[in-house]
Amino acid sequence: MKPVMSDKQMIRSTLFIAITVVSVLSSCSKQTSGILERTGRTETPKSTMEQINWGVKDFSIDIFRAVSADIEKEAAVNLHGKNILLSPLSLAMALSMTEGGAEGDTAEEMKTVLGFSGVSQEDFVSYFKNLSNTLQTADAKVETDIVNSIWSDRSFPVKDSFKEYSEYWYDATVRTRDFKQASTADEINGWCFDKTRGKIPAITTASEIHDLCMCLLNSLYFKADWTNEFEYSTNLRFHCYNEALIMERDSEMGLFPEYCSVQMMHSGVQLLPYCKSSEFTFVEIPYGNGSFAFDILLSNDSGSNPEDRIYESIAALSGEKFENLVSTAQKTAIALNMPGFKMEYTAESLIDNLKSLGMKKAFLPDTDFSGMSDESSFIGLIRQKSYIEVTEKGTEAAAATMVGMLKESFGGERTPSITVDRPYIFVIRETSTDTILFIGAVVTF
């Protein structure tokens, strides 16, 4: 028998190698109303699998939009924006693992925000287990490593059922430590450093975990060479905020976009999936054997401030629009110029962003995580750190997400030539499931 949560919805003991589609949901309007209401989709999913795929993509875009909206507010005050990098997959993995200890309305609310409204617990946990296996074996030329771990304080009694559940579904062993000792933070950070190949050297501090009773972590590491390598060419303009130039123009009427000189990578002419909608120019660049891709979404509006436009483009993006771009792209002879870049990003707290998407109960002291422990607890911290480097050879990226629990007592035409010379959205995606591993925006250099 597979281990289950004794007080969660019963999960059958048969191991699912893949989630099998067994029913049409056209009559299950109650199950799908949550996803349609939250994302604005007008169609009803035809199957459980389609609903899950929609939901996961929608969550990926939704959390990206929510974080971008916060950065846009900062940009309005600071007069310039900043680059963004998130791993929706790492966040979803950490939250789904945490949901394993939630009960009742708390669990349902978490599942709804993650894109699983009305989906059975069986399909929910099977999806993440199978997805993790799929991503790590999809392409022999691509290194993808997904690892989970759980750390609990000695004073926080964890139920055996939760330990078994986490180990079976997420391959996450619960490690018991003294959170009052600085060595515990060192051990957690060492785990993070090791699993991300040194790209995320630390995720927490001794003073921070002193107040926590449990830490649930996910790490994601990705390294891949392009199917066809780029070559570096001459420097070209990239339109973005340039502090020195704008300071010289403070006396003028308004602040206009400037540019910086960046070294572009040139692909030569390649057959790449490409399309142009009313809002975006889309191009897909494959890695390895083609199971993973780097997607570029470049705004078609070239007449306004590029920084304002990138935030407007992100705000207008949706899972459905992204799907349409991917599905309508056709292989086209493309001459592509794009800059290489390296980026590190820290989302210190994603709690307010998740609240804006409808996940609220999990952060209240009177929430229900009784499947985790007989002692009351709630989510008091969600942090993600991420890293990416894009070069002429390929891409290396990593992310680590930590969910921290607090005890309740604590509070035919010519060949298109595309030059990526202004802020743009990028996505690293597995192509058979369209799972978004990383999503970000290059705003400045």
Protein backbone atom coordinates (compact mmCIF):
# COMPACT_ATOMS: atom_id res chain seq x y z
CA MET A 1 0.00 0.00 0.00
CA LYS A 2 1.19 3.47 -0.78
CA PRO A 3 1.33 5.84 2.20
CA VAL A 4 -1.61 8.21 2.43
CA MET A 5 -2.81 11.02 4.63
CA SER A 6 -5.16 9.44 7.12
CA ASP A 7 -7.44 12.47 7.33
CA LYS A 8 -7.26 13.72 3.73
CA GLN A 9 -9.37 12.47 0.86
CA MET A 10 -8.61 8.77 0.30
CA ILE A 11 -6.13 8.10 -2.50
CA ARG A 12 -6.31 4.73 -4.26
CA SER A 13 -3.30 2.49 -3.81
CA THR A 14 -2.68 1.87 -7.51
CA LEU A 15 0.47 3.68 -8.71
CA PHE A 16 -0.28 5.85 -11.72
CA ILE A 17 2.59 5.81 -14.21
CA ALA A 18 0.70 8.54 -16.08
CA ILE A 19 -2.49 10.37 -15.27
CA THR A 20 -5.16 8.71 -17.37
CA VAL A 21 -7.96 10.78 -18.77
CA VAL A 22 -11.14 8.95 -17.85
CA SER A 23 -13.94 11.47 -18.03
CA VAL A 24 -15.24 14.44 -19.93
CA LEU A 25 -15.93 17.43 -17.71
CA SER A 26 -18.51 19.17 -19.88
CA SER A 27 -21.15 18.40 -17.29
CA CYS A 28 -18.93 19.27 -14.32
CA SER A 29 -19.42 23.04 -14.41
CA LYS A 30 -19.03 23.27 -10.65
CA GLN A 31 -15.53 21.79 -10.80
CA THR A 32 -14.31 24.10 -13.56
CA SER A 33 -16.02 27.34 -12.55
CA GLY A 34 -13.07 28.36 -10.35
CA ILE A 35 -10.49 28.26 -13.11
CA LEU A 36 -12.79 29.97 -15.63
CA GLU A 37 -13.67 32.75 -13.18
CA ARG A 38 -10.08 33.41 -12.10
CA THR A 39 -8.41 33.34 -15.53
CA GLY A 40 -11.14 34.73 -17.76
CA ARG A 41 -11.17 31.63 -20.00
CA THR A 42 -14.36 31.21 -21.98
CA GLU A 43 -14.04 27.52 -22.85
CA THR A 44 -14.66 24.53 -20.61
CA PRO A 45 -11.85 21.93 -20.44
CA LYS A 46 -12.65 18.64 -22.17
CA SER A 47 -10.84 16.42 -19.68
CA THR A 48 -9.15 16.33 -16.30
CA MET A 49 -5.74 16.46 -17.98
CA GLU A 50 -6.66 19.50 -20.07
CA GLN A 51 -7.98 21.25 -16.97
CA ILE A 52 -4.72 20.52 -15.11
CA ASN A 53 -2.57 21.71 -18.02
CA TRP A 54 -4.59 24.91 -18.28
CA GLY A 55 -4.44 25.47 -14.56
CA VAL A 56 -0.68 25.03 -14.25
CA LYS A 57 0.00 27.42 -17.14
CA ASP A 58 -2.48 29.95 -15.79
CA PHE A 59 -0.83 29.87 -12.35
CA SER A 60 2.59 30.38 -13.95
CA ILE A 61 1.44 33.48 -15.82
CA ASP A 62 -0.71 34.76 -12.93
CA ILE A 63 2.11 34.76 -10.36
CA PHE A 64 4.44 36.40 -12.91
CA ARG A 65 1.86 39.15 -13.51
CA ALA A 66 1.36 39.69 -9.78
CA VAL A 67 5.10 40.09 -9.10
CA SER A 68 5.51 42.32 -12.15
CA ALA A 69 2.71 44.61 -10.93
CA ASP A 70 4.61 45.18 -7.68
CA ILE A 71 7.81 45.97 -9.57
CA GLU A 72 5.92 48.37 -11.83
CA LYS A 73 4.80 50.30 -8.75
CA GLU A 74 8.40 50.51 -7.56
CA ALA A 75 9.49 51.66 -11.02
CA ALA A 76 7.01 54.53 -10.93
CA VAL A 77 8.75 55.80 -7.77
CA ASN A 78 12.36 54.96 -8.67
CA LEU A 79 12.00 56.00 -12.33
CA HIS A 80 13.25 52.67 -13.62
CA GLY A 81 12.33 49.01 -13.48
CA LYS A 82 14.33 45.89 -12.93
CA ASN A 83 14.66 42.44 -14.36
CA ILE A 84 12.34 39.67 -13.18
CA LEU A 85 12.98 35.95 -12.87
CA LEU A 86 10.66 33.40 -11.30
CA SER A 87 10.30 29.65 -11.36
CA PRO A 88 6.55 28.98 -11.22
CA LEU A 89 7.33 25.26 -11.24
CA SER A 90 9.54 25.45 -8.13
CA LEU A 91 6.93 27.55 -6.33
CA ALA A 92 4.11 25.20 -7.32
CA MET A 93 6.10 22.16 -6.17
CA ALA A 94 6.82 23.70 -2.76
CA LEU A 95 3.21 24.80 -2.29
CA SER A 96 1.74 21.48 -3.44
CA MET A 97 3.99 19.68 -0.95
CA THR A 98 2.74 22.05 1.78
CA GLU A 99 -0.85 21.43 0.71
CA GLY A 100 -0.31 17.81 1.72
CA GLY A 101 -0.64 18.93 5.33
CA ALA A 102 -3.65 21.17 4.74
CA GLU A 103 -7.26 20.19 5.31
CA GLY A 104 -10.72 21.41 4.34
CA ASP A 105 -11.10 24.90 2.90
CA THR A 106 -7.38 25.65 3.31
CA ALA A 107 -6.45 22.74 1.05
CA GLU A 108 -9.13 23.54 -1.52
CA GLU A 109 -8.10 27.20 -1.70
CA MET A 110 -4.44 26.25 -2.25
CA LYS A 111 -5.37 23.77 -4.97
CA THR A 112 -7.60 26.34 -6.68
CA VAL A 113 -4.84 28.96 -6.88
CA LEU A 114 -2.37 26.35 -8.16
CA GLY A 115 -4.85 25.56 -10.95
CA PHE A 116 -6.48 22.38 -9.63
CA SER A 117 -9.96 23.59 -8.75
CA GLY A 118 -12.28 20.60 -8.46
CA VAL A 119 -9.49 18.11 -9.27
CA SER A 120 -9.28 15.09 -6.99
CA GLN A 121 -6.43 14.79 -4.50
CA GLU A 122 -5.37 11.69 -6.38
CA ASP A 123 -4.91 13.54 -9.67
CA PHE A 124 -3.33 16.51 -7.87
CA VAL A 125 -0.47 14.58 -6.26
CA SER A 126 -0.09 12.17 -9.19
CA TYR A 127 0.39 15.11 -11.52
CA PHE A 128 3.35 16.57 -9.64
CA LYS A 129 4.99 13.19 -9.12
CA ASN A 130 4.68 12.26 -12.78
CA LEU A 131 5.64 15.73 -13.98
CA SER A 132 8.84 15.66 -11.93
CA ASN A 133 9.78 12.31 -13.45
CA THR A 134 8.90 13.48 -16.97
CA LEU A 135 10.92 16.68 -16.81
CA GLN A 136 14.01 14.92 -15.51
CA THR A 137 13.99 12.30 -18.27
CA ALA A 138 12.58 14.29 -21.20
CA ASP A 139 15.89 14.93 -22.98
CA ALA A 140 19.21 13.14 -22.47
CA LYS A 141 21.01 16.27 -23.65
CA VAL A 142 19.37 18.47 -20.99
CA GLU A 143 20.16 18.31 -17.28
CA THR A 144 17.04 18.92 -15.20
CA ASP A 145 17.15 18.19 -11.47
CA ILE A 146 14.12 18.66 -9.20
CA VAL A 147 14.55 17.93 -5.49
CA ASN A 148 12.33 18.46 -2.42
CA SER A 149 13.17 18.44 1.27
CA ILE A 150 11.38 19.13 4.56
CA TRP A 151 12.98 20.29 7.80
CA SER A 152 11.08 20.42 11.11
CA ASP A 153 11.98 21.79 14.51
CA ARG A 154 12.30 19.28 17.37
CA SER A 155 9.50 21.06 19.21
CA PHE A 156 7.05 20.51 16.33
CA PRO A 157 5.63 16.96 16.28
CA VAL A 158 5.07 15.91 12.66
CA LYS A 159 2.48 13.24 11.96
CA ASP A 160 3.81 9.95 10.61
CA SER A 161 1.15 10.05 7.90
CA PHE A 162 2.51 13.37 6.61
CA LYS A 163 6.07 12.02 6.65
CA GLU A 164 5.02 8.98 4.63
CA TYR A 165 2.92 11.07 2.26
CA SER A 166 5.77 13.53 1.58
CA GLU A 167 8.35 10.83 1.10
CA TYR A 168 6.20 8.83 -1.30
CA TRP A 169 4.73 11.60 -3.47
CA TYR A 170 7.56 14.17 -3.31
CA ASP A 171 10.58 12.05 -2.39
CA ALA A 172 11.02 14.45 0.55
CA THR A 173 12.33 13.04 3.82
CA VAL A 174 11.39 15.02 6.93
CA ARG A 175 14.59 15.93 8.78
CA THR A 176 14.22 16.86 12.45
CA ARG A 177 16.60 19.53 13.72
CA ASP A 178 16.96 22.14 16.47
CA PHE A 179 15.92 25.39 14.80
CA LYS A 180 17.47 27.37 17.65
CA GLN A 181 20.93 26.24 16.54
CA ALA A 182 22.73 28.25 13.84
CA SER A 183 24.03 24.99 12.36
CA THR A 184 20.50 24.16 11.16
CA ALA A 185 20.40 27.17 8.86
CA ASP A 186 23.88 26.25 7.66
CA GLU A 187 22.67 22.74 6.83
CA ILE A 188 19.60 24.00 4.97
CA ASN A 189 21.71 26.49 3.00
CA GLY A 190 24.25 23.76 2.28
CA TRP A 191 21.47 21.60 0.84
CA CYS A 192 20.36 24.54 -1.30
CA PHE A 193 23.91 25.22 -2.50
CA ASP A 194 24.46 21.57 -3.40
CA LYS A 195 21.17 21.01 -5.25
CA THR A 196 21.50 24.21 -7.33
CA ARG A 197 25.17 23.55 -8.18
CA GLY A 198 26.19 26.60 -6.16
CA LYS A 199 23.94 29.03 -8.01
CA ILE A 200 21.70 29.63 -4.96
CA PRO A 201 24.19 29.61 -2.06
CA ALA A 202 21.67 30.43 0.70
CA ILE A 203 17.90 30.62 1.18
CA THR A 204 17.55 31.47 4.87
CA THR A 205 19.34 32.69 8.01
CA ALA A 206 19.75 31.41 11.56
CA SER A 207 17.74 34.31 12.98
CA GLU A 208 14.89 33.65 10.54
CA ILE A 209 14.40 29.93 11.14
CA HIS A 210 14.67 30.52 14.90
CA ASP A 211 10.99 31.51 14.76
CA LEU A 212 9.83 28.81 12.34
CA CYS A 213 8.63 25.30 13.11
CA MET A 214 9.04 23.79 9.64
CA CYS A 215 10.69 24.60 6.29
CA LEU A 216 9.52 22.97 3.06
CA LEU A 217 11.94 23.42 0.17
CA ASN A 218 12.08 22.76 -3.55
CA SER A 219 15.13 23.18 -5.76
CA LEU A 220 15.21 23.23 -9.54
CA TYR A 221 18.34 23.10 -11.67
CA PHE A 222 18.39 23.34 -15.48
CA LYS A 223 21.32 23.25 -17.88
CA ALA A 224 21.08 22.85 -21.64
CA ASP A 225 22.92 23.68 -24.83
CA TRP A 226 21.08 25.21 -27.75
CA THR A 227 20.24 22.79 -30.53
CA ASN A 228 22.19 25.18 -32.75
CA GLU A 229 24.72 27.44 -31.05
CA PHE A 230 24.75 31.20 -31.48
CA GLU A 231 27.74 33.32 -32.39
CA TYR A 232 28.57 36.68 -30.85
CA SER A 233 28.41 39.57 -33.27
CA THR A 234 28.86 43.31 -32.96
CA ASN A 235 27.36 45.45 -30.24
CA LEU A 236 23.87 46.75 -30.90
CA ARG A 237 21.48 49.05 -29.08
CA PHE A 238 19.13 47.68 -26.43
CA HIS A 239 16.48 50.21 -25.45
CA CYS A 240 16.24 50.41 -21.70
CA TYR A 241 16.67 52.68 -18.72
CA ASN A 242 20.10 54.28 -18.48
CA GLU A 243 20.56 56.19 -15.23
CA ALA A 244 23.42 58.40 -16.38
CA LEU A 245 21.62 59.54 -19.53
CA ILE A 246 18.31 60.19 -17.80
CA MET A 247 20.01 62.21 -15.06
CA GLU A 248 21.34 64.49 -17.80
CA ARG A 249 17.81 65.03 -19.08
CA ASP A 250 16.04 65.77 -15.82
CA SER A 251 15.47 69.38 -16.89
CA GLU A 252 13.63 68.35 -20.03
CA MET A 253 9.90 67.83 -20.32
CA GLY A 254 9.33 64.19 -19.37
CA LEU A 255 11.70 61.25 -19.20
CA PHE A 256 12.24 59.37 -22.45
CA PRO A 257 13.75 55.95 -23.00
CA GLU A 258 17.45 55.73 -23.69
CA TYR A 259 19.55 52.79 -24.77
CA CYS A 260 22.64 50.89 -23.80
CA SER A 261 25.09 49.04 -26.01
CA VAL A 262 25.05 45.26 -25.57
CA GLN A 263 26.79 42.42 -27.34
CA MET A 264 24.26 40.52 -29.40
CA MET A 265 24.29 36.81 -30.20
CA HIS A 266 23.52 35.97 -33.83
CA SER A 267 21.90 32.69 -34.86
CA GLY A 268 22.36 32.81 -38.58
CA VAL A 269 19.25 31.84 -40.53
CA GLN A 270 17.39 29.01 -38.76
CA LEU A 271 13.99 27.38 -39.08
CA LEU A 272 12.33 28.37 -35.80
CA PRO A 273 8.70 28.31 -34.64
CA TYR A 274 7.54 31.89 -35.16
CA CYS A 275 4.33 33.90 -35.20
CA LYS A 276 3.13 37.45 -34.85
CA SER A 277 -0.08 38.33 -33.03
CA SER A 278 -1.58 41.78 -32.56
CA GLU A 279 0.47 42.16 -29.35
CA PHE A 280 3.59 39.99 -29.59
CA THR A 281 6.26 38.69 -31.90
CA PHE A 282 6.93 35.15 -30.70
CA VAL A 283 9.90 32.93 -31.46
CA GLU A 284 10.86 29.57 -29.94
CA ILE A 285 14.52 28.52 -29.66
CA PRO A 286 15.07 24.79 -28.99
CA TYR A 287 17.52 23.15 -26.60
CA GLY A 288 19.09 19.74 -27.03
CA ASN A 289 16.78 17.31 -28.83
CA GLY A 290 13.91 19.82 -28.76
CA SER A 291 12.11 18.76 -25.58
CA PHE A 292 12.81 22.14 -23.99
CA ALA A 293 12.66 25.60 -25.49
CA PHE A 294 13.46 29.25 -24.76
CA ASP A 295 10.50 31.39 -25.84
CA ILE A 296 10.78 35.11 -26.60
CA LEU A 297 7.70 37.33 -26.42
CA LEU A 298 8.62 40.72 -27.89
CA SER A 299 6.08 43.54 -27.80
CA ASN A 300 5.05 44.79 -31.23
CA ASP A 301 4.57 48.33 -29.94
CA SER A 302 7.81 50.17 -30.63
CA GLY A 303 6.55 53.71 -30.24
CA SER A 304 6.33 54.15 -26.48
CA ASN A 305 8.64 53.90 -23.51
CA PRO A 306 9.97 50.31 -23.64
CA GLU A 307 9.93 49.95 -19.86
CA ASP A 308 6.31 51.04 -19.58
CA ARG A 309 5.46 48.76 -22.47
CA ILE A 310 7.02 45.64 -20.93
CA TYR A 311 4.87 46.01 -17.81
CA GLU A 312 1.80 46.63 -19.95
CA SER A 313 2.65 43.51 -21.99
CA ILE A 314 3.03 41.38 -18.87
CA ALA A 315 -0.25 42.71 -17.44
CA ALA A 316 -2.04 41.78 -20.67
CA LEU A 317 -0.54 38.28 -20.88
CA SER A 318 -2.60 35.24 -19.92
CA GLY A 319 -2.18 31.49 -20.02
CA GLU A 320 -4.63 31.32 -22.91
CA LYS A 321 -2.75 33.96 -24.94
CA PHE A 322 0.53 32.15 -24.32
CA GLU A 323 -1.03 28.85 -25.47
CA ASN A 324 -2.25 30.53 -28.66
CA LEU A 325 1.22 31.86 -29.44
CA VAL A 326 2.80 28.43 -28.94
CA SER A 327 0.14 26.58 -30.94
CA THR A 328 0.07 28.97 -33.90
CA ALA A 329 3.85 29.33 -34.29
CA GLN A 330 5.08 27.84 -37.56
CA LYS A 331 8.64 26.97 -38.52
CA THR A 332 9.97 29.96 -40.39
CA ALA A 333 13.41 30.95 -41.62
CA ILE A 334 14.54 33.46 -38.99
CA ALA A 335 17.70 35.54 -38.59
CA LEU A 336 17.76 36.20 -34.86
CA ASN A 337 19.83 38.67 -32.84
CA MET A 338 19.47 38.55 -29.05
CA PRO A 339 21.66 39.56 -26.12
CA GLY A 340 23.23 37.08 -23.77
CA PHE A 341 22.64 37.88 -20.12
CA LYS A 342 23.10 36.78 -16.53
CA MET A 343 20.44 37.49 -13.92
CA GLU A 344 19.89 36.82 -10.21
CA TYR A 345 16.56 37.56 -8.58
CA THR A 346 15.11 37.24 -5.11
CA ALA A 347 11.40 37.33 -4.35
CA GLU A 348 11.70 37.97 -0.62
CA SER A 349 8.04 37.30 0.03
CA LEU A 350 5.42 35.95 -2.35
CA ILE A 351 2.66 35.92 0.27
CA ASP A 352 0.93 39.13 -0.85
CA ASN A 353 1.17 38.03 -4.48
CA LEU A 354 -0.49 34.70 -3.66
CA LYS A 355 -3.13 36.49 -1.61
CA SER A 356 -3.96 38.61 -4.65
CA LEU A 357 -4.61 35.36 -6.55
CA GLY A 358 -6.99 34.11 -3.86
CA MET A 359 -4.80 32.07 -1.51
CA LYS A 360 -5.60 33.66 1.85
CA LYS A 361 -6.57 31.07 4.46
CA ALA A 362 -3.12 29.41 4.52
CA PHE A 363 -1.60 32.59 5.97
CA LEU A 364 -4.05 33.00 8.85
CA PRO A 365 -3.24 31.74 12.36
CA ASP A 366 -6.57 29.87 12.50
CA THR A 367 -5.98 28.00 9.23
CA ASP A 368 -6.09 24.19 9.03
CA PHE A 369 -2.80 22.33 8.61
CA SER A 370 -3.89 19.53 10.92
CA GLY A 371 -2.75 16.95 8.39
CA MET A 372 0.81 18.02 9.14
CA SER A 373 0.77 18.09 12.94
CA ASP A 374 -1.58 18.12 15.91
CA GLU A 375 -0.06 21.51 16.77
CA SER A 376 -1.55 24.46 14.92
CA SER A 377 0.60 26.19 12.31
CA PHE A 378 0.28 28.51 9.31
CA ILE A 379 2.44 29.72 6.43
CA GLY A 380 4.51 32.70 7.58
CA LEU A 381 7.10 32.91 4.81
CA ILE A 382 7.45 32.12 1.12
CA ARG A 383 10.71 33.08 -0.55
CA GLN A 384 12.22 32.22 -3.91
CA LYS A 385 15.73 32.85 -5.20
CA SER A 386 16.58 32.28 -8.85
CA TYR A 387 19.48 32.48 -11.26
CA ILE A 388 19.90 32.33 -15.03
CA GLU A 389 22.74 32.75 -17.50
CA VAL A 390 22.12 32.75 -21.25
CA THR A 391 25.19 32.49 -23.49
CA GLU A 392 25.97 31.57 -27.10
CA LYS A 393 26.26 27.92 -26.02
CA GLY A 394 23.05 27.55 -24.02
CA THR A 395 21.40 28.25 -20.68
CA GLU A 396 22.03 27.44 -17.03
CA ALA A 397 19.28 28.26 -14.55
CA ALA A 398 18.41 27.42 -10.96
CA ALA A 399 15.78 28.23 -8.37
CA ALA A 400 15.10 27.46 -4.73
CA THR A 401 11.79 28.04 -2.98
CA MET A 402 11.20 27.90 0.77
CA VAL A 403 7.84 27.76 2.55
CA GLY A 404 8.24 28.56 6.25
CA MET A 405 5.61 27.44 8.78
CA LEU A 406 4.92 29.34 12.00
CA LYS A 407 3.18 28.00 15.07
CA GLU A 408 -0.18 29.57 15.74
CA SER A 409 1.06 31.00 19.01
CA PHE A 410 3.63 33.06 17.04
CA GLY A 411 2.07 35.46 14.85
CA GLY A 412 6.47 33.64 -48.37
CA GLU A 413 7.70 36.67 -47.68
CA ARG A 414 11.18 37.85 -46.99
CA THR A 415 13.06 36.11 -44.22
CA PRO A 416 12.08 37.88 -40.96
CA SER A 417 14.97 39.43 -39.11
CA ILE A 418 14.31 39.78 -35.38
CA THR A 419 16.55 41.89 -33.19
CA VAL A 420 15.72 41.68 -29.51
CA ASP A 421 16.66 45.29 -28.80
CA ARG A 422 14.15 46.24 -26.13
CA PRO A 423 12.70 44.74 -22.94
CA TYR A 424 11.06 41.38 -23.52
CA ILE A 425 9.45 38.43 -21.77
CA PHE A 426 11.16 35.04 -21.84
CA VAL A 427 10.00 31.55 -20.90
CA ILE A 428 11.87 28.26 -20.49
CA ARG A 429 9.35 25.54 -21.29
CA GLU A 430 9.17 21.76 -21.67
CA THR A 431 7.47 21.33 -25.01
CA SER A 432 5.36 18.18 -24.60
CA THR A 433 3.53 19.44 -21.49
CA ASP A 434 4.19 23.18 -21.99
CA THR A 435 5.31 23.26 -18.34
CA ILE A 436 6.90 26.62 -17.56
CA LEU A 437 10.12 26.03 -15.62
CA PHE A 438 11.21 29.68 -15.61
CA ILE A 439 9.59 32.94 -16.72
CA GLY A 440 11.09 36.39 -16.62
CA ALA A 441 11.57 39.76 -18.23
CA VAL A 442 14.79 41.36 -19.41
CA VAL A 443 14.26 45.06 -18.71
CA THR A 444 17.73 46.51 -18.36
CA PHE A 445 21.44 45.74 -18.47
